[in-house]
Amino acid sequence: MEYRITSPCKGTNTYEIIPSKNVKLSRDDMISCLEKCGFEVSISSDMLAVGRNGPTELTIYTRGKLIIKHAKDKKSAESLAKEIISLL
């Protein structure tokens, strides 16, 4: 699946990943993606799920959008995004 990656907050290691195709995820789908990638789910609702793995925080939305905070760099954020997107 194709996507675009941006850094909405310049000077931080936060990245937004938006899939180019329409995606519709359930709460269980979002939780499963996070857990399969080694994230501990801290918040979940019908709209989003948030997980942490060390300093990295990942938010996944029902439409497939990802917000990755505290990534080492853009390359590591993109690698994580690819891993998550492969599970969608």
PDB file of N, CA and C in Angstrom:
ATOM      1  N   MET A   1       0.845  -1.171   0.000  1.00  0.00           N
ATOM      2  CA  MET A   1       0.000   0.000   0.000  1.00  0.00           C
ATOM      3  C   MET A   1       0.897   1.243   0.000  1.00  0.00           C
ATOM      4  N   GLU A   2       0.510   2.200  -0.785  1.00  0.00           N
ATOM      5  CA  GLU A   2       1.275   3.442  -0.840  1.00  0.00           C
ATOM      6  C   GLU A   2       0.785   4.401   0.245  1.00  0.00           C
ATOM      7  N   TYR A   3       1.663   5.293   0.629  1.00  0.00           N
ATOM      8  CA  TYR A   3       1.361   6.265   1.682  1.00  0.00           C
ATOM      9  C   TYR A   3       2.272   7.463   1.515  1.00  0.00           C
ATOM     10  N   ARG A   4       1.945   8.517   2.242  1.00  0.00           N
ATOM     11  CA  ARG A   4       2.855   9.664   2.279  1.00  0.00           C
ATOM     12  C   ARG A   4       3.225   9.919   3.733  1.00  0.00           C
ATOM     13  N   ILE A   5       4.445  10.375   3.911  1.00  0.00           N
ATOM     14  CA  ILE A   5       4.945  10.643   5.263  1.00  0.00           C
ATOM     15  C   ILE A   5       5.349  12.111   5.350  1.00  0.00           C
ATOM     16  N   THR A   6       4.901  12.765   6.401  1.00  0.00           N
ATOM     17  CA  THR A   6       5.247  14.162   6.619  1.00  0.00           C
ATOM     18  C   THR A   6       5.676  14.343   8.072  1.00  0.00           C
ATOM     19  N   SER A   7       6.324  15.447   8.322  1.00  0.00           N
ATOM     20  CA  SER A   7       6.697  15.818   9.683  1.00  0.00           C
ATOM     21  C   SER A   7       5.981  17.126   9.998  1.00  0.00           C
ATOM     22  N   PRO A   8       4.777  17.038  10.594  1.00  0.00           N
ATOM     23  CA  PRO A   8       3.980  18.246  10.823  1.00  0.00           C
ATOM     24  C   PRO A   8       4.594  19.207  11.840  1.00  0.00           C
ATOM     25  N   CYS A   9       5.448  18.709  12.696  1.00  0.00           N
ATOM     26  CA  CYS A   9       6.068  19.542  13.734  1.00  0.00           C
ATOM     27  C   CYS A   9       7.569  19.593  13.465  1.00  0.00           C
ATOM     28  N   LYS A  10       8.010  20.599  12.768  1.00  0.00           N
ATOM     29  CA  LYS A  10       9.432  20.730  12.444  1.00  0.00           C
ATOM     30  C   LYS A  10      10.257  20.816  13.723  1.00  0.00           C
ATOM     31  N   GLY A  11      11.401  20.154  13.694  1.00  0.00           N
ATOM     32  CA  GLY A  11      12.280  20.180  14.858  1.00  0.00           C
ATOM     33  C   GLY A  11      11.959  19.101  15.885  1.00  0.00           C
ATOM     34  N   THR A  12      10.961  18.279  15.588  1.00  0.00           N
ATOM     35  CA  THR A  12      10.644  17.165  16.492  1.00  0.00           C
ATOM     36  C   THR A  12      10.736  15.867  15.700  1.00  0.00           C
ATOM     37  N   ASN A  13      10.716  14.777  16.374  1.00  0.00           N
ATOM     38  CA  ASN A  13      10.724  13.483  15.718  1.00  0.00           C
ATOM     39  C   ASN A  13       9.321  12.891  15.711  1.00  0.00           C
ATOM     40  N   THR A  14       8.376  13.689  15.210  1.00  0.00           N
ATOM     41  CA  THR A  14       6.991  13.258  15.056  1.00  0.00           C
ATOM     42  C   THR A  14       6.679  13.199  13.577  1.00  0.00           C
ATOM     43  N   TYR A  15       6.062  12.083  13.160  1.00  0.00           N
ATOM     44  CA  TYR A  15       5.758  11.877  11.749  1.00  0.00           C
ATOM     45  C   TYR A  15       4.316  11.446  11.585  1.00  0.00           C
ATOM     46  N   GLU A  16       3.711  11.916  10.505  1.00  0.00           N
ATOM     47  CA  GLU A  16       2.342  11.561  10.159  1.00  0.00           C
ATOM     48  C   GLU A  16       2.392  10.736   8.880  1.00  0.00           C
ATOM     49  N   ILE A  17       1.761   9.578   8.904  1.00  0.00           N
ATOM     50  CA  ILE A  17       1.748   8.690   7.753  1.00  0.00           C
ATOM     51  C   ILE A  17       0.297   8.522   7.328  1.00  0.00           C
ATOM     52  N   ILE A  18       0.021   8.840   6.064  1.00  0.00           N
ATOM     53  CA  ILE A  18      -1.350   8.778   5.560  1.00  0.00           C
ATOM     54  C   ILE A  18      -1.388   7.827   4.360  1.00  0.00           C
ATOM     55  N   PRO A  19      -2.172   6.739   4.469  1.00  0.00           N
ATOM     56  CA  PRO A  19      -2.281   5.815   3.331  1.00  0.00           C
ATOM     57  C   PRO A  19      -3.011   6.466   2.155  1.00  0.00           C
ATOM     58  N   SER A  20      -2.620   6.075   0.943  1.00  0.00           N
ATOM     59  CA  SER A  20      -3.252   6.643  -0.248  1.00  0.00           C
ATOM     60  C   SER A  20      -4.591   5.976  -0.551  1.00  0.00           C
ATOM     61  N   LYS A  21      -4.803   4.770  -0.054  1.00  0.00           N
ATOM     62  CA  LYS A  21      -6.067   4.063  -0.260  1.00  0.00           C
ATOM     63  C   LYS A  21      -6.955   4.220   0.971  1.00  0.00           C
ATOM     64  N   ASN A  22      -8.250   4.119   0.742  1.00  0.00           N
ATOM     65  CA  ASN A  22      -9.187   4.152   1.861  1.00  0.00           C
ATOM     66  C   ASN A  22      -9.048   2.884   2.690  1.00  0.00           C
ATOM     67  N   VAL A  23      -8.964   3.062   3.977  1.00  0.00           N
ATOM     68  CA  VAL A  23      -8.833   1.951   4.910  1.00  0.00           C
ATOM     69  C   VAL A  23      -9.902   2.136   5.979  1.00  0.00           C
ATOM     70  N   LYS A  24     -10.481   1.051   6.434  1.00  0.00           N
ATOM     71  CA  LYS A  24     -11.452   1.115   7.529  1.00  0.00           C
ATOM     72  C   LYS A  24     -11.067   0.031   8.526  1.00  0.00           C
ATOM     73  N   LEU A  25     -10.584   0.444   9.692  1.00  0.00           N
ATOM     74  CA  LEU A  25     -10.127  -0.490  10.711  1.00  0.00           C
ATOM     75  C   LEU A  25     -11.087  -0.510  11.897  1.00  0.00           C
ATOM     76  N   SER A  26     -11.250  -1.672  12.460  1.00  0.00           N
ATOM     77  CA  SER A  26     -12.035  -1.797  13.689  1.00  0.00           C
ATOM     78  C   SER A  26     -11.103  -1.567  14.880  1.00  0.00           C
ATOM     79  N   ARG A  27     -11.694  -1.435  16.031  1.00  0.00           N
ATOM     80  CA  ARG A  27     -10.915  -1.284  17.267  1.00  0.00           C
ATOM     81  C   ARG A  27      -9.977  -2.486  17.437  1.00  0.00           C
ATOM     82  N   ASP A  28     -10.494  -3.688  17.192  1.00  0.00           N
ATOM     83  CA  ASP A  28      -9.676  -4.898  17.325  1.00  0.00           C
ATOM     84  C   ASP A  28      -8.525  -4.918  16.323  1.00  0.00           C
ATOM     85  N   ASP A  29      -8.787  -4.447  15.090  1.00  0.00           N
ATOM     86  CA  ASP A  29      -7.723  -4.381  14.079  1.00  0.00           C
ATOM     87  C   ASP A  29      -6.584  -3.479  14.541  1.00  0.00           C
ATOM     88  N   MET A  30      -6.942  -2.310  15.065  1.00  0.00           N
ATOM     89  CA  MET A  30      -5.928  -1.341  15.495  1.00  0.00           C
ATOM     90  C   MET A  30      -5.098  -1.900  16.648  1.00  0.00           C
ATOM     91  N   ILE A  31      -5.773  -2.493  17.619  1.00  0.00           N
ATOM     92  CA  ILE A  31      -5.075  -3.081  18.773  1.00  0.00           C
ATOM     93  C   ILE A  31      -4.154  -4.205  18.317  1.00  0.00           C
ATOM     94  N   SER A  32      -4.643  -5.048  17.434  1.00  0.00           N
ATOM     95  CA  SER A  32      -3.844  -6.173  16.932  1.00  0.00           C
ATOM     96  C   SER A  32      -2.584  -5.690  16.219  1.00  0.00           C
ATOM     97  N   CYS A  33      -2.715  -4.663  15.374  1.00  0.00           N
ATOM     98  CA  CYS A  33      -1.542  -4.106  14.673  1.00  0.00           C
ATOM     99  C   CYS A  33      -0.494  -3.619  15.661  1.00  0.00           C
ATOM    100  N   LEU A  34      -0.930  -2.875  16.663  1.00  0.00           N
ATOM    101  CA  LEU A  34       0.008  -2.352  17.658  1.00  0.00           C
ATOM    102  C   LEU A  34       0.700  -3.484  18.407  1.00  0.00           C
ATOM    103  N   GLU A  35      -0.070  -4.448  18.869  1.00  0.00           N
ATOM    104  CA  GLU A  35       0.501  -5.544  19.658  1.00  0.00           C
ATOM    105  C   GLU A  35       1.454  -6.397  18.827  1.00  0.00           C
ATOM    106  N   LYS A  36       1.122  -6.660  17.565  1.00  0.00           N
ATOM    107  CA  LYS A  36       1.991  -7.464  16.701  1.00  0.00           C
ATOM    108  C   LYS A  36       3.332  -6.776  16.440  1.00  0.00           C
ATOM    109  N   CYS A  37       3.354  -5.455  16.556  1.00  0.00           N
ATOM    110  CA  CYS A  37       4.591  -4.688  16.355  1.00  0.00           C
ATOM    111  C   CYS A  37       5.296  -4.381  17.668  1.00  0.00           C
ATOM    112  N   GLY A  38       4.869  -5.016  18.754  1.00  0.00           N
ATOM    113  CA  GLY A  38       5.557  -4.879  20.030  1.00  0.00           C
ATOM    114  C   GLY A  38       5.154  -3.676  20.862  1.00  0.00           C
ATOM    115  N   PHE A  39       4.024  -3.065  20.554  1.00  0.00           N
ATOM    116  CA  PHE A  39       3.558  -1.902  21.311  1.00  0.00           C
ATOM    117  C   PHE A  39       2.586  -2.327  22.394  1.00  0.00           C
ATOM    118  N   GLU A  40       2.705  -1.688  23.543  1.00  0.00           N
ATOM    119  CA  GLU A  40       1.759  -1.903  24.634  1.00  0.00           C
ATOM    120  C   GLU A  40       0.653  -0.865  24.480  1.00  0.00           C
ATOM    121  N   VAL A  41      -0.570  -1.337  24.312  1.00  0.00           N
ATOM    122  CA  VAL A  41      -1.703  -0.441  24.078  1.00  0.00           C
ATOM    123  C   VAL A  41      -2.060   0.272  25.377  1.00  0.00           C
ATOM    124  N   SER A  42      -2.088   1.606  25.312  1.00  0.00           N
ATOM    125  CA  SER A  42      -2.425   2.392  26.502  1.00  0.00           C
ATOM    126  C   SER A  42      -3.803   3.026  26.407  1.00  0.00           C
ATOM    127  N   ILE A  43      -4.267   3.289  25.196  1.00  0.00           N
ATOM    128  CA  ILE A  43      -5.587   3.885  24.972  1.00  0.00           C
ATOM    129  C   ILE A  43      -6.191   3.230  23.744  1.00  0.00           C
ATOM    130  N   SER A  44      -7.486   2.927  23.805  1.00  0.00           N
ATOM    131  CA  SER A  44      -8.176   2.454  22.607  1.00  0.00           C
ATOM    132  C   SER A  44      -9.635   2.888  22.653  1.00  0.00           C
ATOM    133  N   SER A  45     -10.144   3.212  21.475  1.00  0.00           N
ATOM    134  CA  SER A  45     -11.551   3.588  21.326  1.00  0.00           C
ATOM    135  C   SER A  45     -11.970   3.162  19.929  1.00  0.00           C
ATOM    136  N   ASP A  46     -13.191   3.490  19.555  1.00  0.00           N
ATOM    137  CA  ASP A  46     -13.653   3.159  18.212  1.00  0.00           C
ATOM    138  C   ASP A  46     -12.987   4.024  17.147  1.00  0.00           C
ATOM    139  N   MET A  47     -12.324   5.112  17.554  1.00  0.00           N
ATOM    140  CA  MET A  47     -11.688   6.038  16.606  1.00  0.00           C
ATOM    141  C   MET A  47     -10.175   5.866  16.477  1.00  0.00           C
ATOM    142  N   LEU A  48      -9.512   5.431  17.554  1.00  0.00           N
ATOM    143  CA  LEU A  48      -8.053   5.345  17.537  1.00  0.00           C
ATOM    144  C   LEU A  48      -7.554   4.391  18.610  1.00  0.00           C
ATOM    145  N   ALA A  49      -6.279   4.029  18.466  1.00  0.00           N
ATOM    146  CA  ALA A  49      -5.580   3.257  19.493  1.00  0.00           C
ATOM    147  C   ALA A  49      -4.178   3.827  19.611  1.00  0.00           C
ATOM    148  N   VAL A  50      -3.683   3.907  20.844  1.00  0.00           N
ATOM    149  CA  VAL A  50      -2.361   4.453  21.120  1.00  0.00           C
ATOM    150  C   VAL A  50      -1.536   3.386  21.824  1.00  0.00           C
ATOM    151  N   GLY A  51      -0.303   3.225  21.370  1.00  0.00           N
ATOM    152  CA  GLY A  51       0.588   2.265  21.996  1.00  0.00           C
ATOM    153  C   GLY A  51       1.970   2.843  22.191  1.00  0.00           C
ATOM    154  N   ARG A  52       2.702   2.251  23.129  1.00  0.00           N
ATOM    155  CA  ARG A  52       4.082   2.670  23.412  1.00  0.00           C
ATOM    156  C   ARG A  52       5.006   1.462  23.326  1.00  0.00           C
ATOM    157  N   ASN A  53       6.191   1.747  22.803  1.00  0.00           N
ATOM    158  CA  ASN A  53       7.268   0.769  22.781  1.00  0.00           C
ATOM    159  C   ASN A  53       8.530   1.558  23.087  1.00  0.00           C
ATOM    160  N   GLY A  54       8.971   1.498  24.350  1.00  0.00           N
ATOM    161  CA  GLY A  54      10.083   2.344  24.769  1.00  0.00           C
ATOM    162  C   GLY A  54       9.667   3.793  24.676  1.00  0.00           C
ATOM    163  N   PRO A  55      10.509   4.641  24.106  1.00  0.00           N
ATOM    164  CA  PRO A  55      10.157   6.063  23.998  1.00  0.00           C
ATOM    165  C   PRO A  55       9.194   6.367  22.845  1.00  0.00           C
ATOM    166  N   THR A  56       9.010   5.398  21.939  1.00  0.00           N
ATOM    167  CA  THR A  56       8.183   5.630  20.755  1.00  0.00           C
ATOM    168  C   THR A  56       6.707   5.439  21.067  1.00  0.00           C
ATOM    169  N   GLU A  57       5.918   6.420  20.645  1.00  0.00           N
ATOM    170  CA  GLU A  57       4.462   6.344  20.797  1.00  0.00           C
ATOM    171  C   GLU A  57       3.847   6.332  19.410  1.00  0.00           C
ATOM    172  N   LEU A  58       2.906   5.418  19.196  1.00  0.00           N
ATOM    173  CA  LEU A  58       2.254   5.300  17.901  1.00  0.00           C
ATOM    174  C   LEU A  58       0.746   5.373  18.089  1.00  0.00           C
ATOM    175  N   THR A  59       0.112   6.239  17.315  1.00  0.00           N
ATOM    176  CA  THR A  59      -1.339   6.345  17.299  1.00  0.00           C
ATOM    177  C   THR A  59      -1.814   5.885  15.935  1.00  0.00           C
ATOM    178  N   ILE A  60      -2.785   4.993  15.926  1.00  0.00           N
ATOM    179  CA  ILE A  60      -3.371   4.520  14.677  1.00  0.00           C
ATOM    180  C   ILE A  60      -4.856   4.844  14.700  1.00  0.00           C
ATOM    181  N   TYR A  61      -5.334   5.394  13.597  1.00  0.00           N
ATOM    182  CA  TYR A  61      -6.737   5.803  13.470  1.00  0.00           C
ATOM    183  C   TYR A  61      -7.494   4.824  12.586  1.00  0.00           C
ATOM    184  N   THR A  62      -8.817   4.821  12.698  1.00  0.00           N
ATOM    185  CA  THR A  62      -9.653   3.885  11.939  1.00  0.00           C
ATOM    186  C   THR A  62      -9.453   4.014  10.429  1.00  0.00           C
ATOM    187  N   ARG A  63      -9.060   5.168   9.945  1.00  0.00           N
ATOM    188  CA  ARG A  63      -8.837   5.374   8.502  1.00  0.00           C
ATOM    189  C   ARG A  63      -7.418   5.000   8.068  1.00  0.00           C
ATOM    190  N   GLY A  64      -6.618   4.450   9.000  1.00  0.00           N
ATOM    191  CA  GLY A  64      -5.273   3.995   8.667  1.00  0.00           C
ATOM    192  C   GLY A  64      -4.179   5.029   8.870  1.00  0.00           C
ATOM    193  N   LYS A  65      -4.546   6.240   9.240  1.00  0.00           N
ATOM    194  CA  LYS A  65      -3.535   7.278   9.498  1.00  0.00           C
ATOM    195  C   LYS A  65      -2.739   6.906  10.742  1.00  0.00           C
ATOM    196  N   LEU A  66      -1.436   7.153  10.686  1.00  0.00           N
ATOM    197  CA  LEU A  66      -0.543   6.885  11.809  1.00  0.00           C
ATOM    198  C   LEU A  66       0.127   8.179  12.243  1.00  0.00           C
ATOM    199  N   ILE A  67       0.306   8.325  13.538  1.00  0.00           N
ATOM    200  CA  ILE A  67       1.137   9.393  14.094  1.00  0.00           C
ATOM    201  C   ILE A  67       2.212   8.687  14.918  1.00  0.00           C
ATOM    202  N   ILE A  68       3.458   8.912  14.569  1.00  0.00           N
ATOM    203  CA  ILE A  68       4.575   8.302  15.286  1.00  0.00           C
ATOM    204  C   ILE A  68       5.331   9.421  15.986  1.00  0.00           C
ATOM    205  N   LYS A  69       5.389   9.342  17.315  1.00  0.00           N
ATOM    206  CA  LYS A  69       6.095  10.352  18.112  1.00  0.00           C
ATOM    207  C   LYS A  69       7.367   9.756  18.699  1.00  0.00           C
ATOM    208  N   HIS A  70       8.373  10.581  18.798  1.00  0.00           N
ATOM    209  CA  HIS A  70       9.658  10.214  19.409  1.00  0.00           C
ATOM    210  C   HIS A  70      10.383   9.119  18.632  1.00  0.00           C
ATOM    211  N   ALA A  71      10.213   9.121  17.299  1.00  0.00           N
ATOM    212  CA  ALA A  71      10.974   8.201  16.462  1.00  0.00           C
ATOM    213  C   ALA A  71      12.430   8.665  16.439  1.00  0.00           C
ATOM    214  N   LYS A  72      13.346   7.753  16.219  1.00  0.00           N
ATOM    215  CA  LYS A  72      14.764   8.131  16.149  1.00  0.00           C
ATOM    216  C   LYS A  72      15.006   9.126  15.021  1.00  0.00           C
ATOM    217  N   ASP A  73      14.394   8.837  13.867  1.00  0.00           N
ATOM    218  CA  ASP A  73      14.542   9.685  12.685  1.00  0.00           C
ATOM    219  C   ASP A  73      13.477   9.285  11.673  1.00  0.00           C
ATOM    220  N   LYS A  74      13.478   9.967  10.538  1.00  0.00           N
ATOM    221  CA  LYS A  74      12.462   9.698   9.519  1.00  0.00           C
ATOM    222  C   LYS A  74      12.567   8.272   8.993  1.00  0.00           C
ATOM    223  N   LYS A  75      13.778   7.784   8.841  1.00  0.00           N
ATOM    224  CA  LYS A  75      13.986   6.430   8.320  1.00  0.00           C
ATOM    225  C   LYS A  75      13.377   5.376   9.251  1.00  0.00           C
ATOM    226  N   SER A  76      13.567   5.522  10.560  1.00  0.00           N
ATOM    227  CA  SER A  76      12.996   4.554  11.493  1.00  0.00           C
ATOM    228  C   SER A  76      11.473   4.676  11.558  1.00  0.00           C
ATOM    229  N   ALA A  77      10.949   5.889  11.420  1.00  0.00           N
ATOM    230  CA  ALA A  77       9.491   6.087  11.387  1.00  0.00           C
ATOM    231  C   ALA A  77       8.905   5.418  10.148  1.00  0.00           C
ATOM    232  N   GLU A  78       9.578   5.569   9.027  1.00  0.00           N
ATOM    233  CA  GLU A  78       9.089   4.956   7.797  1.00  0.00           C
ATOM    234  C   GLU A  78       9.147   3.436   7.871  1.00  0.00           C
ATOM    235  N   SER A  79      10.183   2.907   8.486  1.00  0.00           N
ATOM    236  CA  SER A  79      10.304   1.459   8.657  1.00  0.00           C
ATOM    237  C   SER A  79       9.157   0.916   9.518  1.00  0.00           C
ATOM    238  N   LEU A  80       8.858   1.605  10.602  1.00  0.00           N
ATOM    239  CA  LEU A  80       7.746   1.214  11.461  1.00  0.00           C
ATOM    240  C   LEU A  80       6.428   1.327  10.709  1.00  0.00           C
ATOM    241  N   ALA A  81       6.257   2.391   9.946  1.00  0.00           N
ATOM    242  CA  ALA A  81       5.031   2.578   9.163  1.00  0.00           C
ATOM    243  C   ALA A  81       4.834   1.423   8.184  1.00  0.00           C
ATOM    244  N   LYS A  82       5.901   1.016   7.506  1.00  0.00           N
ATOM    245  CA  LYS A  82       5.809  -0.105   6.571  1.00  0.00           C
ATOM    246  C   LYS A  82       5.374  -1.379   7.271  1.00  0.00           C
ATOM    247  N   GLU A  83       5.918  -1.602   8.458  1.00  0.00           N
ATOM    248  CA  GLU A  83       5.561  -2.788   9.234  1.00  0.00           C
ATOM    249  C   GLU A  83       4.066  -2.769   9.596  1.00  0.00           C
ATOM    250  N   ILE A  84       3.594  -1.636  10.088  1.00  0.00           N
ATOM    251  CA  ILE A  84       2.181  -1.510  10.456  1.00  0.00           C
ATOM    252  C   ILE A  84       1.290  -1.656   9.226  1.00  0.00           C
ATOM    253  N   ILE A  85       1.635  -0.965   8.147  1.00  0.00           N
ATOM    254  CA  ILE A  85       0.812  -0.981   6.943  1.00  0.00           C
ATOM    255  C   ILE A  85       0.748  -2.380   6.338  1.00  0.00           C
ATOM    256  N   SER A  86       1.806  -3.148   6.473  1.00  0.00           N
ATOM    257  CA  SER A  86       1.783  -4.523   5.941  1.00  0.00           C
ATOM    258  C   SER A  86       0.758  -5.385   6.679  1.00  0.00           C
ATOM    259  N   LEU A  87       0.372  -4.981   7.871  1.00  0.00           N
ATOM    260  CA  LEU A  87      -0.607  -5.736   8.663  1.00  0.00           C
ATOM    261  C   LEU A  87      -2.049  -5.313   8.387  1.00  0.00           C
ATOM    262  N   LEU A  88      -2.224  -4.208   7.676  1.00  0.00           N
ATOM    263  CA  LEU A  88      -3.581  -3.710   7.415  1.00  0.00           C
ATOM    264  C   LEU A  88      -4.284  -4.504   6.345  1.00  0.00           C
TER     265      LEU A  88
END
